[in-house]
Amino acid sequence: TLGGIMKFHHGLAFLAIFGAPIIIGIAVAFEAGFRQMSFGKLVSAVVVSMVLSLLVVTPIAITCSKSRDVELAASKLLTTQEIKTLQGTDLFCPTVFRFDRDGYKTCLVSDNDGGANVGCG
């Protein structure tokens, strides 16, 4: 945890959500400055780039953070044999994992509160 306040991967997501738009805004400002754009165009380019990066980064950071929550909860909710059969349903940062329990496929899903629940329903 980060100082007992939040889990490390939640801190990384928080940093990405707020850090990426700032870094991208600064980069666009430098590029616009080199191209000697007018102040109005520079400001609008920076704002647009920051909003677009926020729209792209936020869902990815949240989904990957939820995926990590499910992975951490797996060791508490599943047996060693069930963990060996655990497979994500998405290629990138899955929040639903399938595993074998008593010969049947079942799911481990994010509870959207830092943990996970067993069941596909």
PDB file of N, CA and C in Angstrom:
ATOM      1  N   THR A   1       0.836  -1.190   0.000  1.00  0.00           N
ATOM      2  CA  THR A   1       0.000   0.000   0.000  1.00  0.00           C
ATOM      3  C   THR A   1       0.874   1.244   0.000  1.00  0.00           C
ATOM      4  N   LEU A   2       0.296   2.338  -0.408  1.00  0.00           N
ATOM      5  CA  LEU A   2       0.995   3.618  -0.416  1.00  0.00           C
ATOM      6  C   LEU A   2       0.650   4.358   0.869  1.00  0.00           C
ATOM      7  N   GLY A   3       1.493   4.208   1.869  1.00  0.00           N
ATOM      8  CA  GLY A   3       1.267   4.884   3.140  1.00  0.00           C
ATOM      9  C   GLY A   3       0.004   4.437   3.843  1.00  0.00           C
ATOM     10  N   GLY A   4      -0.481   3.239   3.545  1.00  0.00           N
ATOM     11  CA  GLY A   4      -1.705   2.744   4.154  1.00  0.00           C
ATOM     12  C   GLY A   4      -2.964   3.391   3.602  1.00  0.00           C
ATOM     13  N   ILE A   5      -2.821   4.244   2.597  1.00  0.00           N
ATOM     14  CA  ILE A   5      -3.974   4.969   2.063  1.00  0.00           C
ATOM     15  C   ILE A   5      -4.648   4.197   0.934  1.00  0.00           C
ATOM     16  N   MET A   6      -3.861   3.708  -0.010  1.00  0.00           N
ATOM     17  CA  MET A   6      -4.429   2.992  -1.145  1.00  0.00           C
ATOM     18  C   MET A   6      -3.452   1.919  -1.615  1.00  0.00           C
ATOM     19  N   LYS A   7      -3.984   0.950  -2.353  1.00  0.00           N
ATOM     20  CA  LYS A   7      -3.142  -0.096  -2.919  1.00  0.00           C
ATOM     21  C   LYS A   7      -2.214   0.524  -3.963  1.00  0.00           C
ATOM     22  N   PHE A   8      -1.041  -0.081  -4.130  1.00  0.00           N
ATOM     23  CA  PHE A   8      -0.028   0.460  -5.030  1.00  0.00           C
ATOM     24  C   PHE A   8      -0.557   0.603  -6.455  1.00  0.00           C
ATOM     25  N   HIS A   9      -1.260  -0.434  -6.961  1.00  0.00           N
ATOM     26  CA  HIS A   9      -1.743  -0.360  -8.341  1.00  0.00           C
ATOM     27  C   HIS A   9      -2.855   0.680  -8.499  1.00  0.00           C
ATOM     28  N   HIS A  10      -3.588   0.993  -7.426  1.00  0.00           N
ATOM     29  CA  HIS A  10      -4.560   2.089  -7.502  1.00  0.00           C
ATOM     30  C   HIS A  10      -3.822   3.422  -7.584  1.00  0.00           C
ATOM     31  N   GLY A  11      -2.700   3.526  -6.876  1.00  0.00           N
ATOM     32  CA  GLY A  11      -1.875   4.730  -6.955  1.00  0.00           C
ATOM     33  C   GLY A  11      -1.306   4.936  -8.347  1.00  0.00           C
ATOM     34  N   LEU A  12      -0.894   3.837  -8.988  1.00  0.00           N
ATOM     35  CA  LEU A  12      -0.384   3.940 -10.361  1.00  0.00           C
ATOM     36  C   LEU A  12      -1.480   4.403 -11.314  1.00  0.00           C
ATOM     37  N   ALA A  13      -2.686   3.869 -11.139  1.00  0.00           N
ATOM     38  CA  ALA A  13      -3.807   4.291 -11.985  1.00  0.00           C
ATOM     39  C   ALA A  13      -4.101   5.774 -11.774  1.00  0.00           C
ATOM     40  N   PHE A  14      -4.106   6.200 -10.525  1.00  0.00           N
ATOM     41  CA  PHE A  14      -4.337   7.608 -10.193  1.00  0.00           C
ATOM     42  C   PHE A  14      -3.273   8.488 -10.844  1.00  0.00           C
ATOM     43  N   LEU A  15      -2.026   8.064 -10.758  1.00  0.00           N
ATOM     44  CA  LEU A  15      -0.924   8.807 -11.370  1.00  0.00           C
ATOM     45  C   LEU A  15      -1.087   8.886 -12.887  1.00  0.00           C
ATOM     46  N   ALA A  16      -1.473   7.776 -13.507  1.00  0.00           N
ATOM     47  CA  ALA A  16      -1.653   7.765 -14.963  1.00  0.00           C
ATOM     48  C   ALA A  16      -2.797   8.680 -15.388  1.00  0.00           C
ATOM     49  N   ILE A  17      -3.902   8.636 -14.640  1.00  0.00           N
ATOM     50  CA  ILE A  17      -5.068   9.445 -15.005  1.00  0.00           C
ATOM     51  C   ILE A  17      -4.751  10.937 -14.936  1.00  0.00           C
ATOM     52  N   PHE A  18      -3.995  11.349 -13.936  1.00  0.00           N
ATOM     53  CA  PHE A  18      -3.713  12.770 -13.790  1.00  0.00           C
ATOM     54  C   PHE A  18      -2.367  13.191 -14.379  1.00  0.00           C
ATOM     55  N   GLY A  19      -1.420  12.273 -14.456  1.00  0.00           N
ATOM     56  CA  GLY A  19      -0.098  12.614 -14.961  1.00  0.00           C
ATOM     57  C   GLY A  19      -0.010  12.651 -16.472  1.00  0.00           C
ATOM     58  N   ALA A  20      -0.651  11.698 -17.143  1.00  0.00           N
ATOM     59  CA  ALA A  20      -0.554  11.626 -18.604  1.00  0.00           C
ATOM     60  C   ALA A  20      -1.083  12.888 -19.290  1.00  0.00           C
ATOM     61  N   PRO A  21      -2.259  13.392 -18.928  1.00  0.00           N
ATOM     62  CA  PRO A  21      -2.718  14.622 -19.594  1.00  0.00           C
ATOM     63  C   PRO A  21      -1.791  15.814 -19.368  1.00  0.00           C
ATOM     64  N   ILE A  22      -1.211  15.904 -18.188  1.00  0.00           N
ATOM     65  CA  ILE A  22      -0.296  17.016 -17.915  1.00  0.00           C
ATOM     66  C   ILE A  22       0.955  16.902 -18.774  1.00  0.00           C
ATOM     67  N   ILE A  23       1.529  15.709 -18.831  1.00  0.00           N
ATOM     68  CA  ILE A  23       2.735  15.493 -19.641  1.00  0.00           C
ATOM     69  C   ILE A  23       2.441  15.737 -21.119  1.00  0.00           C
ATOM     70  N   ILE A  24       1.313  15.235 -21.589  1.00  0.00           N
ATOM     71  CA  ILE A  24       0.951  15.432 -22.996  1.00  0.00           C
ATOM     72  C   ILE A  24       0.680  16.905 -23.281  1.00  0.00           C
ATOM     73  N   GLY A  25       0.028  17.583 -22.354  1.00  0.00           N
ATOM     74  CA  GLY A  25      -0.218  19.018 -22.526  1.00  0.00           C
ATOM     75  C   GLY A  25       1.069  19.811 -22.626  1.00  0.00           C
ATOM     76  N   ILE A  26       2.039  19.479 -21.785  1.00  0.00           N
ATOM     77  CA  ILE A  26       3.340  20.159 -21.827  1.00  0.00           C
ATOM     78  C   ILE A  26       4.046  19.878 -23.153  1.00  0.00           C
ATOM     79  N   ALA A  27       4.000  18.621 -23.593  1.00  0.00           N
ATOM     80  CA  ALA A  27       4.649  18.264 -24.861  1.00  0.00           C
ATOM     81  C   ALA A  27       4.015  19.009 -26.032  1.00  0.00           C
ATOM     82  N   VAL A  28       2.698  19.093 -26.043  1.00  0.00           N
ATOM     83  CA  VAL A  28       2.011  19.813 -27.124  1.00  0.00           C
ATOM     84  C   VAL A  28       2.345  21.305 -27.062  1.00  0.00           C
ATOM     85  N   ALA A  29       2.432  21.849 -25.854  1.00  0.00           N
ATOM     86  CA  ALA A  29       2.775  23.271 -25.707  1.00  0.00           C
ATOM     87  C   ALA A  29       4.169  23.556 -26.267  1.00  0.00           C
ATOM     88  N   PHE A  30       5.132  22.678 -25.965  1.00  0.00           N
ATOM     89  CA  PHE A  30       6.480  22.859 -26.512  1.00  0.00           C
ATOM     90  C   PHE A  30       6.468  22.769 -28.032  1.00  0.00           C
ATOM     91  N   GLU A  31       5.772  21.773 -28.558  1.00  0.00           N
ATOM     92  CA  GLU A  31       5.712  21.612 -30.012  1.00  0.00           C
ATOM     93  C   GLU A  31       5.037  22.817 -30.658  1.00  0.00           C
ATOM     94  N   ALA A  32       3.952  23.281 -30.071  1.00  0.00           N
ATOM     95  CA  ALA A  32       3.258  24.448 -30.620  1.00  0.00           C
ATOM     96  C   ALA A  32       4.141  25.687 -30.532  1.00  0.00           C
ATOM     97  N   GLY A  33       4.925  25.788 -29.472  1.00  0.00           N
ATOM     98  CA  GLY A  33       5.852  26.909 -29.335  1.00  0.00           C
ATOM     99  C   GLY A  33       6.924  26.894 -30.406  1.00  0.00           C
ATOM    100  N   PHE A  34       7.432  25.699 -30.721  1.00  0.00           N
ATOM    101  CA  PHE A  34       8.443  25.593 -31.772  1.00  0.00           C
ATOM    102  C   PHE A  34       7.867  25.957 -33.135  1.00  0.00           C
ATOM    103  N   ARG A  35       6.598  25.700 -33.328  1.00  0.00           N
ATOM    104  CA  ARG A  35       5.951  26.029 -34.604  1.00  0.00           C
ATOM    105  C   ARG A  35       5.447  27.473 -34.629  1.00  0.00           C
ATOM    106  N   GLN A  36       5.686  28.195 -33.561  1.00  0.00           N
ATOM    107  CA  GLN A  36       5.317  29.605 -33.425  1.00  0.00           C
ATOM    108  C   GLN A  36       3.835  29.847 -33.703  1.00  0.00           C
ATOM    109  N   MET A  37       3.005  29.045 -33.048  1.00  0.00           N
ATOM    110  CA  MET A  37       1.556  29.202 -33.171  1.00  0.00           C
ATOM    111  C   MET A  37       1.107  30.401 -32.342  1.00  0.00           C
ATOM    112  N   SER A  38      -0.036  30.939 -32.694  1.00  0.00           N
ATOM    113  CA  SER A  38      -0.599  32.034 -31.902  1.00  0.00           C
ATOM    114  C   SER A  38      -1.025  31.489 -30.540  1.00  0.00           C
ATOM    115  N   PHE A  39      -1.162  32.383 -29.572  1.00  0.00           N
ATOM    116  CA  PHE A  39      -1.490  31.965 -28.206  1.00  0.00           C
ATOM    117  C   PHE A  39      -2.835  31.234 -28.149  1.00  0.00           C
ATOM    118  N   GLY A  40      -3.817  31.720 -28.887  1.00  0.00           N
ATOM    119  CA  GLY A  40      -5.138  31.081 -28.893  1.00  0.00           C
ATOM    120  C   GLY A  40      -5.086  29.661 -29.425  1.00  0.00           C
ATOM    121  N   LYS A  41      -4.360  29.469 -30.512  1.00  0.00           N
ATOM    122  CA  LYS A  41      -4.220  28.130 -31.080  1.00  0.00           C
ATOM    123  C   LYS A  41      -3.431  27.223 -30.144  1.00  0.00           C
ATOM    124  N   LEU A  42      -2.410  27.780 -29.499  1.00  0.00           N
ATOM    125  CA  LEU A  42      -1.600  26.999 -28.561  1.00  0.00           C
ATOM    126  C   LEU A  42      -2.466  26.500 -27.408  1.00  0.00           C
ATOM    127  N   VAL A  43      -3.250  27.391 -26.827  1.00  0.00           N
ATOM    128  CA  VAL A  43      -4.107  27.006 -25.697  1.00  0.00           C
ATOM    129  C   VAL A  43      -5.129  25.971 -26.127  1.00  0.00           C
ATOM    130  N   SER A  44      -5.759  26.172 -27.269  1.00  0.00           N
ATOM    131  CA  SER A  44      -6.763  25.203 -27.710  1.00  0.00           C
ATOM    132  C   SER A  44      -6.123  23.853 -28.032  1.00  0.00           C
ATOM    133  N   ALA A  45      -4.928  23.842 -28.610  1.00  0.00           N
ATOM    134  CA  ALA A  45      -4.242  22.579 -28.894  1.00  0.00           C
ATOM    135  C   ALA A  45      -3.898  21.841 -27.608  1.00  0.00           C
ATOM    136  N   VAL A  46      -3.439  22.578 -26.605  1.00  0.00           N
ATOM    137  CA  VAL A  46      -3.095  21.960 -25.319  1.00  0.00           C
ATOM    138  C   VAL A  46      -4.340  21.395 -24.653  1.00  0.00           C
ATOM    139  N   VAL A  47      -5.413  22.155 -24.626  1.00  0.00           N
ATOM    140  CA  VAL A  47      -6.649  21.695 -23.976  1.00  0.00           C
ATOM    141  C   VAL A  47      -7.202  20.463 -24.685  1.00  0.00           C
ATOM    142  N   VAL A  48      -7.253  20.500 -26.008  1.00  0.00           N
ATOM    143  CA  VAL A  48      -7.770  19.351 -26.764  1.00  0.00           C
ATOM    144  C   VAL A  48      -6.915  18.113 -26.519  1.00  0.00           C
ATOM    145  N   SER A  49      -5.603  18.260 -26.534  1.00  0.00           N
ATOM    146  CA  SER A  49      -4.726  17.096 -26.323  1.00  0.00           C
ATOM    147  C   SER A  49      -4.886  16.534 -24.915  1.00  0.00           C
ATOM    148  N   MET A  50      -5.047  17.411 -23.934  1.00  0.00           N
ATOM    149  CA  MET A  50      -5.211  16.940 -22.554  1.00  0.00           C
ATOM    150  C   MET A  50      -6.542  16.214 -22.376  1.00  0.00           C
ATOM    151  N   VAL A  51      -7.607  16.738 -22.958  1.00  0.00           N
ATOM    152  CA  VAL A  51      -8.923  16.090 -22.853  1.00  0.00           C
ATOM    153  C   VAL A  51      -8.902  14.739 -23.559  1.00  0.00           C
ATOM    154  N   LEU A  52      -8.327  14.686 -24.750  1.00  0.00           N
ATOM    155  CA  LEU A  52      -8.262  13.413 -25.474  1.00  0.00           C
ATOM    156  C   LEU A  52      -7.443  12.374 -24.715  1.00  0.00           C
ATOM    157  N   SER A  53      -6.322  12.792 -24.141  1.00  0.00           N
ATOM    158  CA  SER A  53      -5.513  11.828 -23.387  1.00  0.00           C
ATOM    159  C   SER A  53      -6.257  11.359 -22.145  1.00  0.00           C
ATOM    160  N   LEU A  54      -7.005  12.241 -21.514  1.00  0.00           N
ATOM    161  CA  LEU A  54      -7.806  11.853 -20.354  1.00  0.00           C
ATOM    162  C   LEU A  54      -8.875  10.842 -20.751  1.00  0.00           C
ATOM    163  N   LEU A  55      -9.500  11.051 -21.905  1.00  0.00           N
ATOM    164  CA  LEU A  55     -10.528  10.127 -22.380  1.00  0.00           C
ATOM    165  C   LEU A  55      -9.960   8.753 -22.734  1.00  0.00           C
ATOM    166  N   VAL A  56      -8.715   8.709 -23.151  1.00  0.00           N
ATOM    167  CA  VAL A  56      -8.080   7.435 -23.496  1.00  0.00           C
ATOM    168  C   VAL A  56      -7.508   6.745 -22.260  1.00  0.00           C
ATOM    169  N   VAL A  57      -6.818   7.491 -21.416  1.00  0.00           N
ATOM    170  CA  VAL A  57      -6.102   6.901 -20.281  1.00  0.00           C
ATOM    171  C   VAL A  57      -7.041   6.429 -19.173  1.00  0.00           C
ATOM    172  N   THR A  58      -8.083   7.181 -18.875  1.00  0.00           N
ATOM    173  CA  THR A  58      -8.945   6.870 -17.732  1.00  0.00           C
ATOM    174  C   THR A  58      -9.563   5.477 -17.801  1.00  0.00           C
ATOM    175  N   PRO A  59     -10.243   5.092 -18.895  1.00  0.00           N
ATOM    176  CA  PRO A  59     -10.825   3.744 -18.905  1.00  0.00           C
ATOM    177  C   PRO A  59      -9.778   2.631 -18.834  1.00  0.00           C
ATOM    178  N   ILE A  60      -8.633   2.859 -19.458  1.00  0.00           N
ATOM    179  CA  ILE A  60      -7.578   1.844 -19.424  1.00  0.00           C
ATOM    180  C   ILE A  60      -7.037   1.691 -18.010  1.00  0.00           C
ATOM    181  N   ALA A  61      -6.750   2.790 -17.347  1.00  0.00           N
ATOM    182  CA  ALA A  61      -6.203   2.737 -15.987  1.00  0.00           C
ATOM    183  C   ALA A  61      -7.192   2.100 -15.015  1.00  0.00           C
ATOM    184  N   ILE A  62      -8.459   2.434 -15.136  1.00  0.00           N
ATOM    185  CA  ILE A  62      -9.466   1.866 -14.237  1.00  0.00           C
ATOM    186  C   ILE A  62      -9.624   0.373 -14.489  1.00  0.00           C
ATOM    187  N   THR A  63      -9.687  -0.033 -15.751  1.00  0.00           N
ATOM    188  CA  THR A  63      -9.846  -1.450 -16.076  1.00  0.00           C
ATOM    189  C   THR A  63      -8.645  -2.262 -15.611  1.00  0.00           C
ATOM    190  N   CYS A  64      -7.443  -1.762 -15.826  1.00  0.00           N
ATOM    191  CA  CYS A  64      -6.249  -2.495 -15.399  1.00  0.00           C
ATOM    192  C   CYS A  64      -6.154  -2.573 -13.881  1.00  0.00           C
ATOM    193  N   SER A  65      -6.605  -1.551 -13.189  1.00  0.00           N
ATOM    194  CA  SER A  65      -6.611  -1.574 -11.730  1.00  0.00           C
ATOM    195  C   SER A  65      -7.598  -2.620 -11.214  1.00  0.00           C
ATOM    196  N   LYS A  66      -8.777  -2.694 -11.837  1.00  0.00           N
ATOM    197  CA  LYS A  66      -9.765  -3.712 -11.455  1.00  0.00           C
ATOM    198  C   LYS A  66      -9.237  -5.113 -11.747  1.00  0.00           C
ATOM    199  N   SER A  67      -8.537  -5.267 -12.866  1.00  0.00           N
ATOM    200  CA  SER A  67      -7.963  -6.559 -13.219  1.00  0.00           C
ATOM    201  C   SER A  67      -6.968  -7.019 -12.163  1.00  0.00           C
ATOM    202  N   ARG A  68      -6.150  -6.108 -11.701  1.00  0.00           N
ATOM    203  CA  ARG A  68      -5.168  -6.439 -10.654  1.00  0.00           C
ATOM    204  C   ARG A  68      -5.869  -6.789  -9.344  1.00  0.00           C
ATOM    205  N   ASP A  69      -6.973  -6.109  -9.026  1.00  0.00           N
ATOM    206  CA  ASP A  69      -7.754  -6.450  -7.834  1.00  0.00           C
ATOM    207  C   ASP A  69      -8.232  -7.899  -7.890  1.00  0.00           C
ATOM    208  N   VAL A  70      -8.720  -8.318  -9.056  1.00  0.00           N
ATOM    209  CA  VAL A  70      -9.208  -9.692  -9.217  1.00  0.00           C
ATOM    210  C   VAL A  70      -8.056 -10.679  -9.066  1.00  0.00           C
ATOM    211  N   GLU A  71      -6.905 -10.372  -9.655  1.00  0.00           N
ATOM    212  CA  GLU A  71      -5.747 -11.259  -9.538  1.00  0.00           C
ATOM    213  C   GLU A  71      -5.314 -11.415  -8.083  1.00  0.00           C
ATOM    214  N   LEU A  72      -5.321 -10.332  -7.328  1.00  0.00           N
ATOM    215  CA  LEU A  72      -4.936 -10.400  -5.915  1.00  0.00           C
ATOM    216  C   LEU A  72      -5.967 -11.161  -5.090  1.00  0.00           C
ATOM    217  N   ALA A  73      -7.245 -11.015  -5.429  1.00  0.00           N
ATOM    218  CA  ALA A  73      -8.298 -11.707  -4.686  1.00  0.00           C
ATOM    219  C   ALA A  73      -8.330 -13.202  -4.997  1.00  0.00           C
ATOM    220  N   ALA A  74      -7.781 -13.602  -6.135  1.00  0.00           N
ATOM    221  CA  ALA A  74      -7.813 -15.013  -6.533  1.00  0.00           C
ATOM    222  C   ALA A  74      -7.144 -15.904  -5.497  1.00  0.00           C
ATOM    223  N   SER A  75      -6.044 -15.451  -4.925  1.00  0.00           N
ATOM    224  CA  SER A  75      -5.332 -16.285  -3.949  1.00  0.00           C
ATOM    225  C   SER A  75      -6.151 -16.502  -2.676  1.00  0.00           C
ATOM    226  N   LYS A  76      -7.075 -15.604  -2.383  1.00  0.00           N
ATOM    227  CA  LYS A  76      -7.911 -15.748  -1.191  1.00  0.00           C
ATOM    228  C   LYS A  76      -9.169 -16.566  -1.459  1.00  0.00           C
ATOM    229  N   LEU A  77      -9.667 -16.512  -2.692  1.00  0.00           N
ATOM    230  CA  LEU A  77     -10.956 -17.129  -3.004  1.00  0.00           C
ATOM    231  C   LEU A  77     -10.855 -18.494  -3.676  1.00  0.00           C
ATOM    232  N   LEU A  78      -9.697 -18.807  -4.264  1.00  0.00           N
ATOM    233  CA  LEU A  78      -9.564 -20.034  -5.043  1.00  0.00           C
ATOM    234  C   LEU A  78      -8.500 -20.948  -4.465  1.00  0.00           C
ATOM    235  N   THR A  79      -8.652 -22.240  -4.750  1.00  0.00           N
ATOM    236  CA  THR A  79      -7.636 -23.209  -4.348  1.00  0.00           C
ATOM    237  C   THR A  79      -6.468 -23.134  -5.331  1.00  0.00           C
ATOM    238  N   THR A  80      -5.371 -23.776  -4.974  1.00  0.00           N
ATOM    239  CA  THR A  80      -4.192 -23.782  -5.842  1.00  0.00           C
ATOM    240  C   THR A  80      -4.517 -24.394  -7.196  1.00  0.00           C
ATOM    241  N   GLN A  81      -5.288 -25.476  -7.208  1.00  0.00           N
ATOM    242  CA  GLN A  81      -5.664 -26.128  -8.462  1.00  0.00           C
ATOM    243  C   GLN A  81      -6.540 -25.212  -9.320  1.00  0.00           C
ATOM    244  N   GLU A  82      -7.451 -24.492  -8.688  1.00  0.00           N
ATOM    245  CA  GLU A  82      -8.314 -23.572  -9.432  1.00  0.00           C
ATOM    246  C   GLU A  82      -7.514 -22.409 -10.012  1.00  0.00           C
ATOM    247  N   ILE A  83      -6.530 -21.942  -9.267  1.00  0.00           N
ATOM    248  CA  ILE A  83      -5.688 -20.843  -9.755  1.00  0.00           C
ATOM    249  C   ILE A  83      -4.904 -21.272 -10.990  1.00  0.00           C
ATOM    250  N   LYS A  84      -4.493 -22.543 -11.042  1.00  0.00           N
ATOM    251  CA  LYS A  84      -3.751 -23.042 -12.206  1.00  0.00           C
ATOM    252  C   LYS A  84      -4.594 -23.003 -13.473  1.00  0.00           C
ATOM    253  N   THR A  85      -5.932 -23.101 -13.340  1.00  0.00           N
ATOM    254  CA  THR A  85      -6.814 -23.096 -14.510  1.00  0.00           C
ATOM    255  C   THR A  85      -7.368 -21.705 -14.821  1.00  0.00           C
ATOM    256  N   LEU A  86      -6.961 -20.705 -14.065  1.00  0.00           N
ATOM    257  CA  LEU A  86      -7.477 -19.340 -14.213  1.00  0.00           C
ATOM    258  C   LEU A  86      -7.025 -18.725 -15.536  1.00  0.00           C
ATOM    259  N   GLN A  87      -7.993 -18.226 -16.307  1.00  0.00           N
ATOM    260  CA  GLN A  87      -7.694 -17.588 -17.595  1.00  0.00           C
ATOM    261  C   GLN A  87      -8.547 -16.335 -17.742  1.00  0.00           C
ATOM    262  N   GLY A  88      -7.916 -15.255 -18.172  1.00  0.00           N
ATOM    263  CA  GLY A  88      -8.649 -14.015 -18.425  1.00  0.00           C
ATOM    264  C   GLY A  88      -9.499 -14.130 -19.673  1.00  0.00           C
ATOM    265  N   THR A  89     -10.629 -13.437 -19.688  1.00  0.00           N
ATOM    266  CA  THR A  89     -11.515 -13.487 -20.852  1.00  0.00           C
ATOM    267  C   THR A  89     -11.171 -12.421 -21.888  1.00  0.00           C
ATOM    268  N   ASP A  90     -10.356 -11.442 -21.518  1.00  0.00           N
ATOM    269  CA  ASP A  90      -9.921 -10.400 -22.450  1.00  0.00           C
ATOM    270  C   ASP A  90      -8.414 -10.495 -22.631  1.00  0.00           C
ATOM    271  N   LEU A  91      -7.940  -9.955 -23.740  1.00  0.00           N
ATOM    272  CA  LEU A  91      -6.509  -9.972 -24.016  1.00  0.00           C
ATOM    273  C   LEU A  91      -5.760  -8.969 -23.146  1.00  0.00           C
ATOM    274  N   PHE A  92      -6.377  -7.811 -22.908  1.00  0.00           N
ATOM    275  CA  PHE A  92      -5.710  -6.723 -22.197  1.00  0.00           C
ATOM    276  C   PHE A  92      -6.492  -6.379 -20.931  1.00  0.00           C
ATOM    277  N   CYS A  93      -5.889  -6.584 -19.770  1.00  0.00           N
ATOM    278  CA  CYS A  93      -6.479  -6.241 -18.469  1.00  0.00           C
ATOM    279  C   CYS A  93      -7.882  -6.816 -18.267  1.00  0.00           C
ATOM    280  N   PRO A  94      -8.019  -8.128 -18.253  1.00  0.00           N
ATOM    281  CA  PRO A  94      -9.356  -8.707 -18.069  1.00  0.00           C
ATOM    282  C   PRO A  94      -9.885  -8.476 -16.656  1.00  0.00           C
ATOM    283  N   THR A  95     -11.183  -8.229 -16.537  1.00  0.00           N
ATOM    284  CA  THR A  95     -11.818  -8.110 -15.224  1.00  0.00           C
ATOM    285  C   THR A  95     -12.686  -9.319 -14.928  1.00  0.00           C
ATOM    286  N   VAL A  96     -12.803 -10.215 -15.903  1.00  0.00           N
ATOM    287  CA  VAL A  96     -13.509 -11.485 -15.716  1.00  0.00           C
ATOM    288  C   VAL A  96     -12.526 -12.601 -16.044  1.00  0.00           C
ATOM    289  N   PHE A  97     -12.367 -13.526 -15.101  1.00  0.00           N
ATOM    290  CA  PHE A  97     -11.483 -14.671 -15.283  1.00  0.00           C
ATOM    291  C   PHE A  97     -12.307 -15.941 -15.180  1.00  0.00           C
ATOM    292  N   ARG A  98     -12.018 -16.920 -16.028  1.00  0.00           N
ATOM    293  CA  ARG A  98     -12.688 -18.226 -15.969  1.00  0.00           C
ATOM    294  C   ARG A  98     -11.730 -19.235 -15.350  1.00  0.00           C
ATOM    295  N   PHE A  99     -12.301 -20.175 -14.598  1.00  0.00           N
ATOM    296  CA  PHE A  99     -11.505 -21.240 -14.007  1.00  0.00           C
ATOM    297  C   PHE A  99     -12.381 -22.469 -13.830  1.00  0.00           C
ATOM    298  N   ASP A 100     -11.733 -23.637 -13.620  1.00  0.00           N
ATOM    299  CA  ASP A 100     -12.450 -24.900 -13.420  1.00  0.00           C
ATOM    300  C   ASP A 100     -12.681 -25.130 -11.940  1.00  0.00           C
ATOM    301  N   ARG A 101     -13.933 -25.410 -11.576  1.00  0.00           N
ATOM    302  CA  ARG A 101     -14.282 -25.769 -10.199  1.00  0.00           C
ATOM    303  C   ARG A 101     -15.233 -26.956 -10.265  1.00  0.00           C
ATOM    304  N   ASP A 102     -14.806 -28.059  -9.697  1.00  0.00           N
ATOM    305  CA  ASP A 102     -15.605 -29.290  -9.671  1.00  0.00           C
ATOM    306  C   ASP A 102     -16.030 -29.724 -11.072  1.00  0.00           C
ATOM    307  N   GLY A 103     -15.150 -29.564 -12.051  1.00  0.00           N
ATOM    308  CA  GLY A 103     -15.420 -30.004 -13.410  1.00  0.00           C
ATOM    309  C   GLY A 103     -16.232 -29.029 -14.243  1.00  0.00           C
ATOM    310  N   TYR A 104     -16.606 -27.912 -13.693  1.00  0.00           N
ATOM    311  CA  TYR A 104     -17.390 -26.910 -14.418  1.00  0.00           C
ATOM    312  C   TYR A 104     -16.605 -25.603 -14.527  1.00  0.00           C
ATOM    313  N   LYS A 105     -16.847 -24.901 -15.622  1.00  0.00           N
ATOM    314  CA  LYS A 105     -16.248 -23.576 -15.781  1.00  0.00           C
ATOM    315  C   LYS A 105     -17.070 -22.574 -14.973  1.00  0.00           C
ATOM    316  N   THR A 106     -16.404 -21.766 -14.199  1.00  0.00           N
ATOM    317  CA  THR A 106     -17.063 -20.679 -13.481  1.00  0.00           C
ATOM    318  C   THR A 106     -16.182 -19.439 -13.573  1.00  0.00           C
ATOM    319  N   CYS A 107     -16.628 -18.354 -13.000  1.00  0.00           N
ATOM    320  CA  CYS A 107     -15.954 -17.067 -13.197  1.00  0.00           C
ATOM    321  C   CYS A 107     -15.512 -16.438 -11.886  1.00  0.00           C
ATOM    322  N   LEU A 108     -14.499 -15.629 -12.000  1.00  0.00           N
ATOM    323  CA  LEU A 108     -14.055 -14.752 -10.930  1.00  0.00           C
ATOM    324  C   LEU A 108     -14.119 -13.348 -11.526  1.00  0.00           C
ATOM    325  N   VAL A 109     -14.983 -12.498 -10.961  1.00  0.00           N
ATOM    326  CA  VAL A 109     -15.229 -11.178 -11.539  1.00  0.00           C
ATOM    327  C   VAL A 109     -14.943 -10.075 -10.528  1.00  0.00           C
ATOM    328  N   SER A 110     -14.615  -8.908 -11.033  1.00  0.00           N
ATOM    329  CA  SER A 110     -14.373  -7.748 -10.181  1.00  0.00           C
ATOM    330  C   SER A 110     -15.670  -7.343  -9.497  1.00  0.00           C
ATOM    331  N   ASP A 111     -15.571  -6.972  -8.214  1.00  0.00           N
ATOM    332  CA  ASP A 111     -16.755  -6.471  -7.507  1.00  0.00           C
ATOM    333  C   ASP A 111     -16.808  -4.943  -7.518  1.00  0.00           C
ATOM    334  N   ASN A 112     -15.903  -4.325  -8.272  1.00  0.00           N
ATOM    335  CA  ASN A 112     -15.812  -2.864  -8.408  1.00  0.00           C
ATOM    336  C   ASN A 112     -15.545  -2.150  -7.093  1.00  0.00           C
ATOM    337  N   ASP A 113     -15.049  -2.902  -6.103  1.00  0.00           N
ATOM    338  CA  ASP A 113     -14.754  -2.297  -4.804  1.00  0.00           C
ATOM    339  C   ASP A 113     -13.420  -2.798  -4.262  1.00  0.00           C
ATOM    340  N   GLY A 114     -12.515  -3.175  -5.156  1.00  0.00           N
ATOM    341  CA  GLY A 114     -11.192  -3.620  -4.737  1.00  0.00           C
ATOM    342  C   GLY A 114     -11.078  -5.102  -4.469  1.00  0.00           C
ATOM    343  N   GLY A 115     -12.071  -5.876  -4.829  1.00  0.00           N
ATOM    344  CA  GLY A 115     -12.039  -7.316  -4.602  1.00  0.00           C
ATOM    345  C   GLY A 115     -12.642  -8.058  -5.777  1.00  0.00           C
ATOM    346  N   ALA A 116     -13.131  -9.275  -5.496  1.00  0.00           N
ATOM    347  CA  ALA A 116     -13.702 -10.101  -6.554  1.00  0.00           C
ATOM    348  C   ALA A 116     -14.788 -10.998  -5.988  1.00  0.00           C
ATOM    349  N   ASN A 117     -15.642 -11.491  -6.874  1.00  0.00           N
ATOM    350  CA  ASN A 117     -16.700 -12.430  -6.528  1.00  0.00           C
ATOM    351  C   ASN A 117     -16.595 -13.646  -7.430  1.00  0.00           C
ATOM    352  N   VAL A 118     -16.967 -14.806  -6.891  1.00  0.00           N
ATOM    353  CA  VAL A 118     -17.000 -16.034  -7.672  1.00  0.00           C
ATOM    354  C   VAL A 118     -18.403 -16.185  -8.235  1.00  0.00           C
ATOM    355  N   GLY A 119     -18.485 -16.467  -9.531  1.00  0.00           N
ATOM    356  CA  GLY A 119     -19.773 -16.677 -10.183  1.00  0.00           C
ATOM    357  C   GLY A 119     -19.859 -15.899 -11.479  1.00  0.00           C
ATOM    358  N   CYS A 120     -20.536 -16.489 -12.447  1.00  0.00           N
ATOM    359  CA  CYS A 120     -20.644 -15.867 -13.768  1.00  0.00           C
ATOM    360  C   CYS A 120     -21.919 -15.047 -13.928  1.00  0.00           C
ATOM    361  N   GLY A 121     -22.782 -15.032 -12.951  1.00  0.00           N
ATOM    362  CA  GLY A 121     -24.069 -14.331 -13.087  1.00  0.00           C
ATOM    363  C   GLY A 121     -24.042 -13.003 -12.617  1.00  0.00           C
TER     364      GLY A 121
END
